Protein backbone atom coordinates (compact mmCIF):
# COMPACT_ATOMS: atom_id res chain seq x y z
CA MET A 1 112.19 45.55 4.97
CA LYS A 2 112.18 42.50 7.22
CA LYS A 3 115.07 43.75 9.40
CA SER A 4 112.97 46.99 9.78
CA TYR A 5 110.17 45.12 11.08
CA ILE A 6 112.39 43.17 13.56
CA ILE A 7 113.93 46.40 14.87
CA MET A 8 110.31 48.00 15.34
CA VAL A 9 109.16 44.64 17.26
CA LEU A 10 112.52 44.83 19.58
CA PHE A 11 111.49 48.81 20.00
CA LEU A 12 108.03 47.83 21.06
CA LEU A 13 109.24 45.17 23.38
CA LEU A 14 111.40 47.66 25.32
CA ALA A 15 109.13 50.25 25.46
CA SER A 16 106.69 47.68 26.81
CA ALA A 17 109.19 46.72 29.39
CA GLY A 18 109.86 50.00 30.56
CA THR A 19 106.42 50.80 31.02
CA TYR A 20 105.86 47.89 33.22
CA PHE A 21 109.32 48.37 35.28
CA ALA A 22 107.87 51.78 35.66
CA TYR A 23 104.37 50.71 36.81
CA GLU A 24 105.76 48.11 39.08
CA LYS A 25 108.22 50.47 40.79
CA TYR A 26 106.54 53.79 40.96
CA PHE A 27 102.71 53.75 39.95
CA LYS A 28 101.72 50.53 41.63
CA PRO A 29 102.84 51.22 45.39
CA ILE A 30 101.21 54.68 44.76
CA GLN A 31 98.15 52.99 43.80
CA THR A 32 98.14 50.82 46.81
CA GLU A 33 98.58 53.21 49.28
CA LEU A 34 95.85 55.62 47.48
CA VAL A 35 93.44 52.42 47.82
CA LYS A 36 94.19 52.31 51.64
CA ASN A 37 93.76 55.86 52.25
CA GLU A 38 90.37 55.72 50.30
CA LYS A 39 89.35 52.72 52.61
CA LYS A 40 90.78 54.65 55.82
CA SER A 41 88.77 57.61 54.84
CA GLU A 42 85.65 55.78 54.36
CA LYS A 43 85.81 54.32 57.84
CA LEU A 44 86.66 57.87 59.42
CA GLN A 45 83.79 59.10 57.60
CA SER A 46 81.39 56.33 58.81
CA LYS A 47 82.51 57.11 62.39
CA ILE A 48 82.02 60.76 62.00
CA GLU A 49 78.40 60.03 60.70
CA ASN A 50 77.79 57.77 63.66
CA LEU A 51 79.00 60.20 66.30
CA GLU A 52 76.87 63.12 64.76
CA LYS A 53 73.80 60.83 65.01
CA ILE A 54 74.67 60.09 68.77
CA PHE A 55 75.37 63.51 69.95
CA LYS A 56 73.43 65.50 67.23
CA LYS A 57 76.32 67.50 66.03
CA THR A 58 77.03 69.07 69.66
CA LYS A 59 80.35 70.77 70.27
CA PRO A 60 82.33 68.36 72.68
CA PRO A 61 82.87 70.90 75.39
CA ILE A 62 79.14 71.35 75.84
CA VAL A 63 78.69 67.73 75.99
CA LEU A 64 81.49 67.36 78.68
CA GLU A 65 80.05 70.25 80.73
CA VAL A 66 76.58 68.81 80.44
CA LEU A 67 77.91 65.13 81.52
CA GLU A 68 79.79 67.19 84.70
CA GLU A 69 76.40 68.88 85.70
CA ASP A 70 74.51 65.62 85.51
CA LYS A 71 76.94 62.97 86.68
CA GLN A 72 78.93 64.84 89.23
CA PRO A 73 77.06 67.87 91.03
CA TRP A 74 79.91 67.69 93.80
CA MET A 75 82.32 69.10 91.22
CA ARG A 76 79.85 72.13 90.96
CA ALA A 77 79.35 72.56 94.60
CA SER A 78 83.16 72.04 95.19
CA ARG A 79 84.05 75.01 92.91
CA ASP A 80 81.24 77.30 94.59
CA ARG A 81 82.69 76.45 97.97
CA LEU A 82 86.04 77.01 97.14
CA ALA A 83 85.44 80.82 97.16
CA TYR A 84 85.01 80.64 100.98
CA PHE A 85 88.59 79.78 101.45
CA ARG A 86 91.81 81.51 100.57
CA ALA A 87 94.53 79.58 98.75
CA GLU A 88 97.33 79.88 100.64
CA GLU A 89 99.75 82.08 98.98
CA SER A 90 103.33 82.77 100.40
CA GLU A 91 106.58 84.21 98.80
CA LYS A 92 109.30 81.55 97.93
CA VAL A 93 112.53 81.93 100.05
CA ASP A 94 115.63 81.64 97.98
CA ILE A 95 118.95 81.51 99.44
CA PRO A 96 121.65 81.87 96.63
CA ASP A 97 124.01 79.32 96.30
CA ASP A 98 126.98 81.26 97.14
CA GLU A 99 125.77 82.51 100.23
CA PHE A 100 126.31 81.17 103.59
CA PRO A 101 122.62 80.84 105.05
CA HIS A 102 123.54 82.30 108.49
CA PHE A 103 125.10 85.23 106.90
CA TRP A 104 122.59 85.72 104.34
CA TYR A 105 120.01 85.75 107.11
CA ALA A 106 121.97 88.23 109.19
CA LYS A 107 121.96 90.47 106.00
CA GLU A 108 118.22 90.07 104.88
CA TYR A 109 116.60 89.99 108.49
CA PRO A 110 116.76 94.02 108.77
CA LYS A 111 115.40 94.48 105.26
CA MET A 112 112.29 92.30 105.97
CA GLN A 113 111.95 94.45 109.31
CA ASP A 114 112.53 97.69 107.81
CA GLU A 115 109.70 96.97 104.88
CA LEU A 116 107.27 96.02 107.83
CA TYR A 117 107.65 99.38 109.53
CA GLN A 118 107.79 101.36 106.38
CA PHE A 119 104.42 99.98 105.71
CA ALA A 120 102.96 100.58 109.30
CA ARG A 121 104.27 104.22 109.18
CA GLU A 122 102.43 104.63 105.76
CA LYS A 123 99.24 103.53 107.26
CA GLY A 124 99.68 105.72 110.28
CA VAL A 125 100.05 103.08 112.76
CA GLN A 126 102.54 102.65 115.62
CA LEU A 127 104.29 99.05 115.85
CA ALA A 128 105.78 97.35 118.95
CA VAL A 129 108.74 95.32 118.43
CA LEU A 130 107.40 92.44 116.39
CA ASP A 131 109.30 89.32 115.51
CA PHE A 132 106.45 86.37 115.55
CA ASN A 133 108.55 84.39 118.01
CA ILE A 134 111.12 83.36 115.42
CA LYS A 135 114.52 82.59 115.71
CA THR A 136 116.31 85.95 114.81
CA PRO A 137 120.13 86.05 113.44
CA GLU A 138 121.25 86.20 117.04
CA TYR A 139 119.91 82.94 117.80
CA PHE A 140 122.15 81.35 115.14
CA GLU A 141 125.60 83.16 116.18
CA GLY A 142 128.53 80.29 116.55
CA SER A 143 126.41 77.80 114.87
CA SER A 144 125.95 76.67 110.90
CA PRO A 145 122.15 76.38 110.66
CA THR A 146 121.06 74.44 107.39
CA ARG A 147 119.10 76.35 104.49
CA LYS A 148 116.10 74.56 105.25
CA GLU A 149 116.36 76.07 109.11
CA ILE A 150 116.74 79.60 107.67
CA ILE A 151 114.18 79.26 105.20
CA ASP A 152 111.44 77.95 107.67
CA GLU A 153 112.20 81.04 110.02
CA VAL A 154 112.03 83.36 107.18
CA ASN A 155 108.82 81.77 106.17
CA LYS A 156 107.19 82.21 109.55
CA TYR A 157 108.26 85.49 109.56
CA ASN A 158 106.79 86.32 106.15
CA TYR A 159 103.47 84.89 107.44
CA GLY A 160 103.74 87.25 110.37
CA VAL A 161 104.00 90.23 108.25
CA LYS A 162 101.23 88.93 106.15
CA MET A 163 98.95 88.89 108.97
CA THR A 164 100.17 92.26 110.59
CA LYS A 165 99.26 93.63 107.08
CA PHE A 166 96.00 92.13 107.63
CA ILE A 167 95.07 94.00 110.97
CA LEU A 168 96.45 97.29 109.72
CA GLU A 169 93.77 97.57 107.66
CA ALA A 170 91.61 97.96 110.73
CA LYS A 171 93.58 101.28 111.25
CA PRO A 172 94.83 101.15 114.74
CA LYS A 173 96.59 103.44 116.74
CA TYR A 174 99.10 101.19 118.33
CA LEU A 175 99.76 97.35 117.48
CA GLU A 176 101.38 95.87 120.74
CA ARG A 177 101.28 92.13 119.92
CA VAL A 178 100.81 89.65 117.11
CA SER A 179 100.73 86.04 118.09
CA ILE A 180 100.21 83.19 115.49
CA TRP A 181 98.92 79.54 116.70
CA PRO A 182 100.27 76.57 115.09
CA LYS A 183 98.44 75.78 111.69
CA ARG A 184 95.96 72.66 112.14
CA ILE A 185 94.72 70.57 109.40
CA ILE A 186 90.85 70.14 109.77
CA LYS A 187 90.20 68.42 106.70
CA PRO A 188 92.96 66.16 104.79
CA SER A 189 92.22 65.35 101.25
CA LYS A 190 94.51 63.70 98.23
CA SER A 191 94.08 66.83 96.37
CA GLY A 192 94.74 69.54 99.03
CA ASP A 193 94.24 70.04 102.92
CA ILE A 194 91.74 72.59 104.33
CA THR A 195 93.89 74.29 107.39
CA MET A 196 92.59 76.62 109.81
CA ILE A 197 95.10 79.20 111.56
CA THR A 198 94.52 81.41 114.25
CA THR A 199 96.06 84.85 114.96
CA GLY A 200 95.91 86.76 118.13
CA TYR A 201 96.03 90.75 118.30
CA LYS A 202 96.64 93.03 121.09
CA MET A 203 95.93 96.83 120.12
CA GLN A 204 94.73 100.27 120.59
CA ILE A 205 92.11 101.19 118.58
CA MET A 206 88.97 103.54 118.05
CA ASN A 207 85.54 102.24 118.73
CA GLU A 208 84.48 103.49 115.19
CA ASP A 209 87.44 101.60 113.52
CA LEU A 210 86.82 98.42 115.43
CA LEU A 211 83.33 98.47 114.51
CA ARG A 212 84.04 99.12 110.86
CA PHE A 213 86.56 96.34 110.66
CA LEU A 214 84.10 93.77 112.36
CA VAL A 215 81.55 94.50 110.06
CA ARG A 216 84.08 94.20 106.99
CA LEU A 217 85.06 90.76 108.61
CA ASP A 218 81.24 89.64 108.74
CA GLU A 219 80.98 90.74 104.96
CA SER A 220 83.99 89.00 103.77
CA ASP A 221 83.65 86.29 101.04
CA THR A 222 86.13 84.11 102.63
CA TYR A 223 85.95 82.23 105.67
CA VAL A 224 87.14 84.49 108.59
CA ASN A 225 85.83 83.88 112.22
CA VAL A 226 86.37 86.28 115.13
CA SER A 227 87.28 83.30 117.80
CA GLY A 228 87.57 85.53 120.76
CA LEU A 229 87.18 89.32 121.46
CA LYS A 230 88.26 91.09 124.66
CA VAL A 231 87.58 95.50 124.87
CA ILE A 232 88.44 97.28 127.65
CA ASN A 233 87.79 100.93 128.16
CA LYS A 234 90.16 102.65 130.50
CA SER A 235 89.16 106.17 129.66
CA LEU A 236 84.89 106.35 130.04
CA ARG A 237 84.82 110.08 130.50
CA ASN A 238 87.17 110.45 127.15
CA PRO A 239 85.07 109.54 124.09
CA LYS A 240 88.09 109.88 121.93
CA ALA A 241 90.20 107.69 123.66
CA PRO A 242 91.19 104.41 122.01
CA LEU A 243 90.11 101.01 123.28
CA GLU A 244 92.48 98.37 124.47
CA VAL A 245 91.43 95.24 122.26
CA GLU A 246 92.71 91.77 122.06
CA ILE A 247 90.97 89.73 119.30
CA LEU A 248 91.45 86.10 117.78
CA ILE A 249 90.85 85.77 114.20
CA THR A 250 90.64 82.49 112.47
CA SER A 251 90.97 81.90 108.66
CA ALA A 252 91.20 78.93 106.74
CA ASP A 253 93.28 78.32 103.61
CA ILE A 254 93.59 75.47 100.95
CA VAL A 255 96.98 74.16 100.83
CA SER A 256 97.52 72.09 97.67
CA THR A 257 99.18 68.31 97.85
CA LYS A 258 101.75 69.77 95.64
CA LYS A 259 102.59 72.65 98.10
CA VAL A 260 102.81 70.26 100.90
CA GLU A 261 105.51 68.01 98.97
CA GLU A 262 107.51 71.14 98.14
């Protein structure tokens, strides 16, 4: 009987030791972490209740919008005026790595020309030979131009095409010349520059088509200004004869700082 009692006491001691060991190794860390999370939860809940009292449960976007409208009215004015300018857009020219710039230019230039004249034919307009005063592939014969030199000329040509398509909307009978003035910065800014560029056109156009085009420019939502206009009528006795018109059109673009850096 005494022996059985001793065995029972030993068993109880071992069980207690096992329970204590399990508590220290497994349950105590979990309990400590739980207490920490409960305290953290209480702090977060307190902050949420405090913010709800301050903002009266208003959604954050609404608060930011109100702050922007009240504290920074210039931002609203800036957004409104942005519509008067066109963000400059141009196709990104990319010369394949395995192509020599000069050979690539000689191959691509006729394609660019064909595209422009095809567009003019679809509009029913006769075009003179237009090169927008760029250096054509013939200029680089016997030399090795850099990629940048070629890309600069292609960019100039693409802009000329863009401005030619713009005037073709006026439906001239014959477009004789397109001259593009150098771009000028009128308002430098860290976020982007407001630039102006003037394009001169010499064309033959019917009186009603010219008037319709000028009205369309006047009603445009973007900044477009007729800087000069010269009209000659060489056939006063023939009301169906086109006018000879020279016109200067100035437009404004916003060029972002990012594009300038590129």
